[in-house]
Amino acid sequence: MQRGHIYRKGSNWMLQYWEPAIEDGKVTKRRVACILARYSDEYRTEKSVRTLADKQLAPINARLARPESTQTVAAFLEHVYLPHCLEEKRPSTYKGYSDMDKLVQPHLKDLQLRNVRTSDIDKLMRAVALQKQRAHTTHRNVKSFLSGAFRYAKRNDLINDNPVRDSVVPRGNPMSDTAAYTLSEIQQTLAVLEEPARTAVLVAGLTGLRKSEIAALRWEDFRDDELHVQRSVWRGHVSDTKTLTSRAAVPVLPIVRKALEQHKRKVPEGKGFIFEGGTGKPLRLENVLRREIKPALAKAGLKWLGWHAFRRGLGTNLNALGADPKTIQTILRHANVSTTQAFYIKPVAAESVRAMQKLERAFSKARRSKPASRKK
């Protein structure tokens, strides 16, 4: 049992004690000192601050203090949290977390994991924001990364609370407008592409699958006029789907089914990945884009809007044709309909004009109607 050494230093009561720590990868002890209270009428004697000292020493004396909690946040992120993410998360997720770690590391200094407060996170977030003009979504991603790291620390009893939860995300640059393919643009794109790029684009445009899901499709996933999304691939690494709700079946239109069946005839055994490279692994669609799609579009004077623009386009086109947001959510396999409405149903100019015309007619009708009498 430690009682520590209580002493006065200037106007403060101090406590010196030994705490468990990790140094050079080994558990050891180190002497530390902390402020218990300021000298005042309430805290005039060593006895008056003994209760505060005992409270500070309680986790150590009860053997609840973990040496890992004494490490710096920088060391925890690099040597504990990111290795955990590498093992448990999808490769693309781990890459995103690594990028966020690179943004925060220069501003962490010697901040200890167990001593972090919400005010420290606010200062850290502001420092990242002041370093360079970035999108507001990047600042949100930094907070999400830090919050996940501190939640992991809390689950492992290294800290008692998550200091990131109530921190404020600094204002950043507004998100640029995102593109969505119209049906006409999809038709124009398909007209200038060769196989297998044409079928891959057709699947993207009329099923809404993500690029990572298209590349990971196997022939056994194509059945009963549906594509059963089971996995994804990122930079050649096959892993699970982005979310649990992403793992679902998507209806296949006759035009897509016909294209897939024709594509299958070119495959000797009709097995393996639908879009397969020469090594038997998923075809790298980023290479197909660079070598085949972009040159063909440039030659035809067409613009490439990105793979995800097909997914946004499907949501927008279905909405324009009268599909309700809940149905579109199901097809796009979003966990929440709010995501579908906010990011995957783009306003269409013609519809906006028609809506405003309806408003004008209603406004004019209201003006011509006789006003109702009001009671005093």
Protein backbone atom coordinates (compact mmCIF):
# COMPACT_ATOMS: atom_id res chain seq x y z
CA MET A 1 0.00 0.00 0.00
CA GLN A 2 1.31 3.40 -0.99
CA ARG A 3 0.59 6.52 1.00
CA GLY A 4 2.76 8.77 -1.08
CA HIS A 5 4.67 11.84 0.00
CA ILE A 6 2.62 15.01 0.52
CA TYR A 7 4.42 18.34 0.46
CA ARG A 8 3.87 21.98 -0.37
CA LYS A 9 5.33 23.63 -3.43
CA GLY A 10 4.54 27.31 -3.68
CA SER A 11 0.78 27.70 -3.27
CA ASN A 12 0.01 24.05 -4.12
CA TRP A 13 -0.21 20.82 -2.17
CA MET A 14 1.67 18.12 -4.09
CA LEU A 15 1.65 14.33 -3.95
CA GLN A 16 4.66 12.27 -4.98
CA TYR A 17 4.20 8.53 -5.55
CA TRP A 18 5.16 5.54 -7.70
CA GLU A 19 3.02 4.44 -10.61
CA PRO A 20 3.22 1.46 -13.00
CA ALA A 21 4.50 2.39 -16.45
CA ILE A 22 5.78 0.92 -19.71
CA GLU A 23 9.29 1.86 -20.76
CA ASP A 24 11.03 0.28 -23.75
CA GLY A 25 8.22 -2.26 -23.94
CA LYS A 26 8.69 -3.42 -20.32
CA VAL A 27 6.47 -2.86 -17.27
CA THR A 28 8.28 -0.85 -14.61
CA LYS A 29 7.63 1.81 -11.96
CA ARG A 30 8.35 5.49 -12.09
CA ARG A 31 8.11 8.31 -9.59
CA VAL A 32 5.60 11.03 -10.46
CA ALA A 33 4.14 14.09 -8.76
CA CYS A 34 0.74 15.73 -9.11
CA ILE A 35 -1.11 18.71 -7.67
CA LEU A 36 -3.69 17.78 -5.05
CA ALA A 37 -5.11 21.23 -4.26
CA ARG A 38 -4.22 24.86 -3.77
CA TYR A 39 -3.31 25.96 -0.26
CA SER A 40 -6.42 27.58 1.27
CA ASP A 41 -8.54 27.78 4.42
CA GLU A 42 -9.99 24.39 3.48
CA TYR A 43 -6.60 22.83 2.79
CA ARG A 44 -4.23 24.19 5.42
CA THR A 45 -2.57 21.01 6.64
CA GLU A 46 -1.21 17.76 5.26
CA LYS A 47 -4.03 15.96 7.05
CA SER A 48 -6.67 18.05 5.22
CA VAL A 49 -5.48 16.83 1.82
CA ARG A 50 -4.89 13.21 2.84
CA THR A 51 -8.35 12.22 1.52
CA LEU A 52 -7.42 13.68 -1.88
CA ALA A 53 -4.15 11.76 -1.87
CA ASP A 54 -5.86 8.49 -0.98
CA LYS A 55 -8.33 8.98 -3.82
CA GLN A 56 -5.46 9.55 -6.27
CA LEU A 57 -3.66 6.42 -5.04
CA ALA A 58 -6.76 4.19 -4.83
CA PRO A 59 -6.49 2.64 -8.35
CA ILE A 60 -2.81 1.83 -7.77
CA ASN A 61 -3.34 0.36 -4.32
CA ALA A 62 -6.31 -1.67 -5.61
CA ARG A 63 -4.10 -2.86 -8.50
CA LEU A 64 -6.61 -1.41 -10.97
CA ALA A 65 -4.15 1.00 -12.56
CA ARG A 66 -2.91 -0.31 -15.89
CA PRO A 67 0.65 0.58 -16.93
CA GLU A 68 -0.61 1.02 -20.50
CA SER A 69 -2.62 4.06 -19.42
CA THR A 70 0.58 5.95 -18.60
CA GLN A 71 1.80 5.86 -22.18
CA THR A 72 1.44 8.82 -24.49
CA VAL A 73 -1.48 9.13 -26.87
CA ALA A 74 0.99 9.07 -29.76
CA ALA A 75 2.43 5.73 -28.61
CA PHE A 76 -1.03 4.29 -27.93
CA LEU A 77 -2.25 5.15 -31.44
CA GLU A 78 0.87 3.85 -33.16
CA HIS A 79 1.59 0.72 -31.13
CA VAL A 80 -1.82 -0.34 -29.79
CA TYR A 81 -4.81 1.06 -31.65
CA LEU A 82 -3.58 0.97 -35.26
CA PRO A 83 -2.26 -2.62 -34.93
CA HIS A 84 -5.71 -3.55 -33.58
CA CYS A 85 -7.32 -1.87 -36.61
CA LEU A 86 -4.96 -3.66 -38.98
CA GLU A 87 -6.12 -6.96 -37.54
CA GLU A 88 -9.83 -6.25 -37.14
CA LYS A 89 -10.81 -3.66 -39.78
CA ARG A 90 -11.10 -3.80 -43.55
CA PRO A 91 -7.89 -2.79 -45.41
CA SER A 92 -9.51 0.38 -46.77
CA THR A 93 -10.66 1.35 -43.27
CA TYR A 94 -7.19 0.79 -41.86
CA LYS A 95 -5.71 2.97 -44.62
CA GLY A 96 -8.14 5.76 -43.75
CA TYR A 97 -7.28 5.51 -40.05
CA SER A 98 -3.56 5.60 -40.87
CA ASP A 99 -4.10 8.80 -42.83
CA MET A 100 -5.91 10.38 -39.88
CA ASP A 101 -3.11 9.30 -37.54
CA LYS A 102 -0.58 11.13 -39.74
CA LEU A 103 -2.63 14.32 -39.36
CA VAL A 104 -2.79 14.22 -35.55
CA GLN A 105 0.66 12.84 -34.66
CA PRO A 106 2.56 16.17 -35.10
CA HIS A 107 0.25 17.82 -32.55
CA LEU A 108 0.13 15.17 -29.80
CA LYS A 109 3.49 16.01 -28.18
CA ASP A 110 3.83 14.19 -24.81
CA LEU A 111 0.11 14.09 -24.00
CA GLN A 112 -0.56 11.11 -21.72
CA LEU A 113 -3.48 8.83 -22.49
CA ARG A 114 -4.98 8.91 -19.01
CA ASN A 115 -4.63 12.69 -18.63
CA VAL A 116 -6.46 13.72 -21.80
CA ARG A 117 -9.41 16.04 -21.32
CA THR A 118 -12.00 17.31 -23.79
CA SER A 119 -10.19 20.67 -23.83
CA ASP A 120 -7.04 18.85 -25.02
CA ILE A 121 -8.98 17.29 -27.90
CA ASP A 122 -10.41 20.70 -28.83
CA LYS A 123 -6.88 22.14 -28.95
CA LEU A 124 -5.71 19.18 -31.02
CA MET A 125 -8.58 19.53 -33.49
CA ARG A 126 -7.92 23.26 -33.86
CA ALA A 127 -4.22 22.62 -34.45
CA VAL A 128 -5.01 20.17 -37.24
CA ALA A 129 -7.46 22.65 -38.77
CA LEU A 130 -4.96 25.53 -38.66
CA GLN A 131 -2.18 23.47 -40.22
CA LYS A 132 -3.85 23.43 -43.64
CA GLN A 133 -7.18 24.28 -45.25
CA ARG A 134 -9.09 20.99 -45.39
CA ALA A 135 -12.63 19.86 -46.07
CA HIS A 136 -15.02 19.87 -43.15
CA THR A 137 -15.53 16.14 -43.71
CA THR A 138 -11.81 15.59 -43.04
CA HIS A 139 -12.15 17.29 -39.66
CA ARG A 140 -15.13 15.07 -38.89
CA ASN A 141 -13.08 12.03 -39.85
CA VAL A 142 -10.28 13.10 -37.50
CA LYS A 143 -12.74 13.29 -34.62
CA SER A 144 -14.24 9.93 -35.55
CA PHE A 145 -10.78 8.33 -35.62
CA LEU A 146 -9.83 9.77 -32.22
CA SER A 147 -13.19 8.84 -30.71
CA GLY A 148 -12.78 5.25 -31.89
CA ALA A 149 -9.28 5.10 -30.39
CA PHE A 150 -10.42 6.38 -27.00
CA ARG A 151 -13.45 4.07 -27.01
CA TYR A 152 -11.03 1.19 -27.53
CA ALA A 153 -8.90 2.47 -24.63
CA LYS A 154 -11.99 2.68 -22.43
CA ARG A 155 -13.10 -0.86 -23.32
CA ASN A 156 -9.67 -2.05 -22.21
CA ASP A 157 -9.90 -0.20 -18.88
CA LEU A 158 -7.10 2.22 -19.76
CA ILE A 159 -9.31 5.27 -19.23
CA ASN A 160 -12.66 5.90 -17.56
CA ASP A 161 -14.27 8.25 -20.06
CA ASN A 162 -14.03 9.20 -23.73
CA PRO A 163 -12.80 12.84 -23.88
CA VAL A 164 -13.52 13.08 -27.62
CA ARG A 165 -17.28 12.68 -27.32
CA ASP A 166 -18.08 16.31 -26.45
CA SER A 167 -15.30 17.94 -28.49
CA VAL A 168 -16.14 20.37 -31.28
CA VAL A 169 -15.30 19.81 -34.95
CA PRO A 170 -13.67 22.97 -36.38
CA ARG A 171 -15.21 24.49 -39.46
CA GLY A 172 -13.55 23.45 -42.71
CA ASN A 173 -14.06 23.95 -46.40
CA PRO A 174 -17.55 22.99 -47.60
CA MET A 175 -17.88 19.69 -49.37
CA SER A 176 -17.68 20.08 -53.13
CA ASP A 177 -20.71 19.13 -55.17
CA THR A 178 -20.84 15.42 -55.97
CA ALA A 179 -21.69 14.07 -59.40
CA ALA A 180 -24.46 11.66 -60.38
CA TYR A 181 -24.78 10.03 -63.80
CA THR A 182 -27.98 10.58 -65.74
CA LEU A 183 -29.43 7.73 -67.79
CA SER A 184 -28.38 9.52 -70.96
CA GLU A 185 -24.78 9.87 -69.74
CA ILE A 186 -24.66 6.17 -68.87
CA GLN A 187 -25.87 5.29 -72.38
CA GLN A 188 -23.23 7.54 -73.96
CA THR A 189 -20.50 5.99 -71.80
CA LEU A 190 -21.52 2.42 -72.61
CA ALA A 191 -21.54 3.19 -76.35
CA VAL A 192 -17.78 3.85 -76.47
CA LEU A 193 -16.50 1.07 -74.15
CA GLU A 194 -15.17 -2.37 -74.94
CA GLU A 195 -15.55 -5.48 -72.80
CA PRO A 196 -15.16 -6.14 -69.94
CA ALA A 197 -15.24 -2.43 -69.07
CA ARG A 198 -18.66 -2.03 -70.67
CA THR A 199 -20.30 -4.74 -68.54
CA ALA A 200 -18.61 -3.46 -65.38
CA VAL A 201 -19.97 0.04 -66.04
CA LEU A 202 -23.42 -1.37 -66.86
CA VAL A 203 -23.47 -3.20 -63.52
CA ALA A 204 -22.40 -0.02 -61.73
CA GLY A 205 -25.00 2.13 -63.46
CA LEU A 206 -28.03 -0.18 -63.12
CA THR A 207 -27.38 -1.94 -59.79
CA GLY A 208 -25.69 0.77 -57.73
CA LEU A 209 -22.97 -1.59 -56.48
CA ARG A 210 -19.79 0.02 -55.20
CA LYS A 211 -16.62 -0.43 -57.25
CA SER A 212 -15.16 -2.62 -54.48
CA GLU A 213 -18.27 -4.85 -54.59
CA ILE A 214 -18.29 -5.17 -58.39
CA ALA A 215 -14.67 -6.31 -58.42
CA ALA A 216 -15.40 -8.91 -55.71
CA LEU A 217 -18.40 -10.53 -57.44
CA ARG A 218 -18.12 -14.25 -58.13
CA TRP A 219 -20.25 -16.21 -60.59
CA GLU A 220 -22.01 -18.06 -57.77
CA ASP A 221 -23.24 -14.64 -56.53
CA PHE A 222 -25.25 -14.24 -59.77
CA ARG A 223 -28.43 -16.28 -59.36
CA ASP A 224 -32.23 -15.93 -59.34
CA ASP A 225 -31.99 -12.65 -61.29
CA GLU A 226 -30.05 -11.12 -58.41
CA LEU A 227 -26.48 -10.23 -57.55
CA HIS A 228 -25.78 -11.38 -54.00
CA VAL A 229 -23.18 -9.04 -52.50
CA GLN A 230 -20.98 -11.13 -50.20
CA ARG A 231 -17.62 -9.39 -50.07
CA SER A 232 -15.58 -6.44 -51.31
CA VAL A 233 -12.07 -5.91 -52.62
CA TRP A 234 -9.70 -2.99 -52.13
CA ARG A 235 -6.36 -2.77 -53.90
CA GLY A 236 -6.43 -6.50 -54.49
CA HIS A 237 -7.32 -7.38 -50.88
CA VAL A 238 -10.59 -9.32 -50.57
CA SER A 239 -12.47 -8.63 -47.33
CA ASP A 240 -15.96 -8.34 -45.88
CA THR A 241 -18.54 -5.83 -47.09
CA LYS A 242 -18.43 -2.21 -45.96
CA THR A 243 -21.35 -2.70 -43.55
CA LEU A 244 -23.62 -5.55 -42.49
CA THR A 245 -26.51 -4.06 -44.48
CA SER A 246 -24.29 -4.03 -47.59
CA ARG A 247 -24.32 -7.82 -47.53
CA ALA A 248 -27.56 -8.33 -49.45
CA ALA A 249 -29.09 -9.18 -52.82
CA VAL A 250 -29.66 -6.57 -55.54
CA PRO A 251 -32.17 -7.15 -58.37
CA VAL A 252 -30.73 -7.50 -61.87
CA LEU A 253 -32.54 -5.96 -64.84
CA PRO A 254 -32.87 -8.05 -68.03
CA ILE A 255 -30.34 -5.85 -69.85
CA VAL A 256 -27.78 -6.46 -67.09
CA ARG A 257 -28.57 -10.19 -66.96
CA LYS A 258 -28.06 -10.49 -70.72
CA ALA A 259 -24.72 -8.67 -70.54
CA LEU A 260 -23.52 -10.89 -67.70
CA GLU A 261 -24.57 -14.06 -69.53
CA GLN A 262 -22.72 -12.96 -72.65
CA HIS A 263 -19.68 -12.12 -70.56
CA LYS A 264 -19.86 -15.56 -68.91
CA ARG A 265 -19.58 -17.32 -72.29
CA LYS A 266 -16.08 -15.90 -72.60
CA VAL A 267 -15.03 -17.51 -69.31
CA PRO A 268 -13.74 -21.07 -69.91
CA GLU A 269 -15.33 -22.70 -66.86
CA GLY A 270 -17.77 -20.00 -65.79
CA LYS A 271 -16.26 -19.99 -62.30
CA GLY A 272 -14.29 -17.62 -60.13
CA PHE A 273 -14.65 -13.86 -60.12
CA ILE A 274 -17.00 -12.33 -62.67
CA PHE A 275 -14.39 -9.69 -63.47
CA GLU A 276 -11.19 -11.66 -63.14
CA GLY A 277 -7.59 -10.79 -63.89
CA GLY A 278 -5.07 -13.04 -65.58
CA THR A 279 -3.85 -14.38 -62.21
CA GLY A 280 -7.28 -15.57 -61.13
CA LYS A 281 -7.64 -12.66 -58.71
CA PRO A 282 -10.21 -9.84 -58.98
CA LEU A 283 -9.64 -7.52 -61.91
CA ARG A 284 -8.13 -4.22 -60.78
CA LEU A 285 -10.82 -1.83 -61.97
CA GLU A 286 -8.56 1.14 -61.26
CA ASN A 287 -6.21 -0.20 -63.93
CA VAL A 288 -9.12 -0.76 -66.34
CA LEU A 289 -10.17 2.83 -65.73
CA ARG A 290 -6.70 4.20 -66.46
CA ARG A 291 -5.90 2.02 -69.46
CA GLU A 292 -9.28 1.63 -71.18
CA ILE A 293 -12.17 3.70 -69.85
CA LYS A 294 -10.62 7.16 -69.59
CA PRO A 295 -8.88 7.02 -72.98
CA ALA A 296 -12.11 5.87 -74.68
CA LEU A 297 -14.15 8.63 -73.02
CA ALA A 298 -11.55 11.29 -73.82
CA LYS A 299 -11.57 10.25 -77.47
CA ALA A 300 -15.37 10.58 -77.55
CA GLY A 301 -15.33 13.92 -75.73
CA LEU A 302 -17.04 12.47 -72.64
CA LYS A 303 -16.16 13.16 -69.01
CA TRP A 304 -15.50 10.52 -66.35
CA LEU A 305 -17.42 11.38 -63.17
CA GLY A 306 -16.19 8.54 -60.96
CA TRP A 307 -17.42 5.07 -60.04
CA HIS A 308 -19.49 6.35 -57.13
CA ALA A 309 -21.35 8.72 -59.46
CA PHE A 310 -23.12 5.63 -60.87
CA ARG A 311 -24.35 4.79 -57.36
CA ARG A 312 -25.57 8.32 -56.75
CA GLY A 313 -27.04 8.32 -60.24
CA LEU A 314 -29.10 5.22 -59.54
CA GLY A 315 -30.59 6.80 -56.43
CA THR A 316 -31.33 10.03 -58.27
CA ASN A 317 -32.78 8.31 -61.35
CA LEU A 318 -35.02 6.01 -59.29
CA ASN A 319 -36.29 9.00 -57.32
CA ALA A 320 -37.06 10.89 -60.54
CA LEU A 321 -39.05 7.89 -61.76
CA GLY A 322 -41.20 7.93 -58.63
CA ALA A 323 -39.52 5.34 -56.38
CA ASP A 324 -39.90 6.19 -52.70
CA PRO A 325 -36.75 6.81 -50.60
CA LYS A 326 -37.25 3.64 -48.53
CA THR A 327 -37.18 1.48 -51.66
CA ILE A 328 -34.08 3.28 -52.92
CA GLN A 329 -32.45 2.72 -49.51
CA THR A 330 -33.10 -1.02 -49.83
CA ILE A 331 -31.58 -1.18 -53.32
CA LEU A 332 -28.51 0.82 -52.28
CA ARG A 333 -28.32 -1.17 -49.01
CA HIS A 334 -27.89 1.80 -46.71
CA ALA A 335 -28.37 1.32 -42.98
CA ASN A 336 -30.43 4.53 -42.73
CA VAL A 337 -32.80 6.17 -45.19
CA SER A 338 -31.40 9.56 -44.10
CA THR A 339 -28.09 8.65 -45.78
CA THR A 340 -29.94 7.84 -49.00
CA GLN A 341 -31.87 11.09 -48.97
CA ALA A 342 -28.95 13.31 -47.98
CA PHE A 343 -26.23 12.00 -50.30
CA TYR A 344 -27.71 9.74 -52.99
CA ILE A 345 -30.77 11.57 -54.25
CA LYS A 346 -29.50 14.63 -56.11
CA PRO A 347 -31.88 17.48 -56.95
CA VAL A 348 -32.78 17.45 -60.63
CA ALA A 349 -33.23 20.84 -62.30
CA ALA A 350 -36.36 19.89 -64.26
CA GLU A 351 -38.07 18.56 -61.14
CA SER A 352 -37.12 21.66 -59.18
CA VAL A 353 -38.68 23.85 -61.88
CA ARG A 354 -41.90 21.78 -61.86
CA ALA A 355 -42.07 21.98 -58.06
CA MET A 356 -41.66 25.76 -58.10
CA GLN A 357 -44.33 26.04 -60.81
CA LYS A 358 -46.71 24.11 -58.57
CA LEU A 359 -45.85 26.50 -55.73
CA GLU A 360 -46.59 29.50 -57.99
CA ARG A 361 -49.99 28.11 -58.97
CA ALA A 362 -50.86 27.42 -55.34
CA PHE A 363 -49.70 30.91 -54.35
CA SER A 364 -51.80 32.56 -57.08
CA LYS A 365 -54.84 30.49 -56.10
CA ALA A 366 -54.46 31.52 -52.47
CA ARG A 367 -54.26 35.18 -53.49
CA ARG A 368 -57.52 34.97 -55.52
CA SER A 369 -59.44 33.23 -52.74
CA LYS A 370 -61.58 35.33 -50.39
CA PRO A 371 -59.81 35.89 -47.05
CA ALA A 372 -61.53 34.32 -44.07
CA SER A 373 -62.90 36.69 -41.44
CA ARG A 374 -60.91 36.85 -38.23
CA LYS A 375 -62.45 37.03 -34.84
CA LYS A 376 -61.17 39.73 -32.54
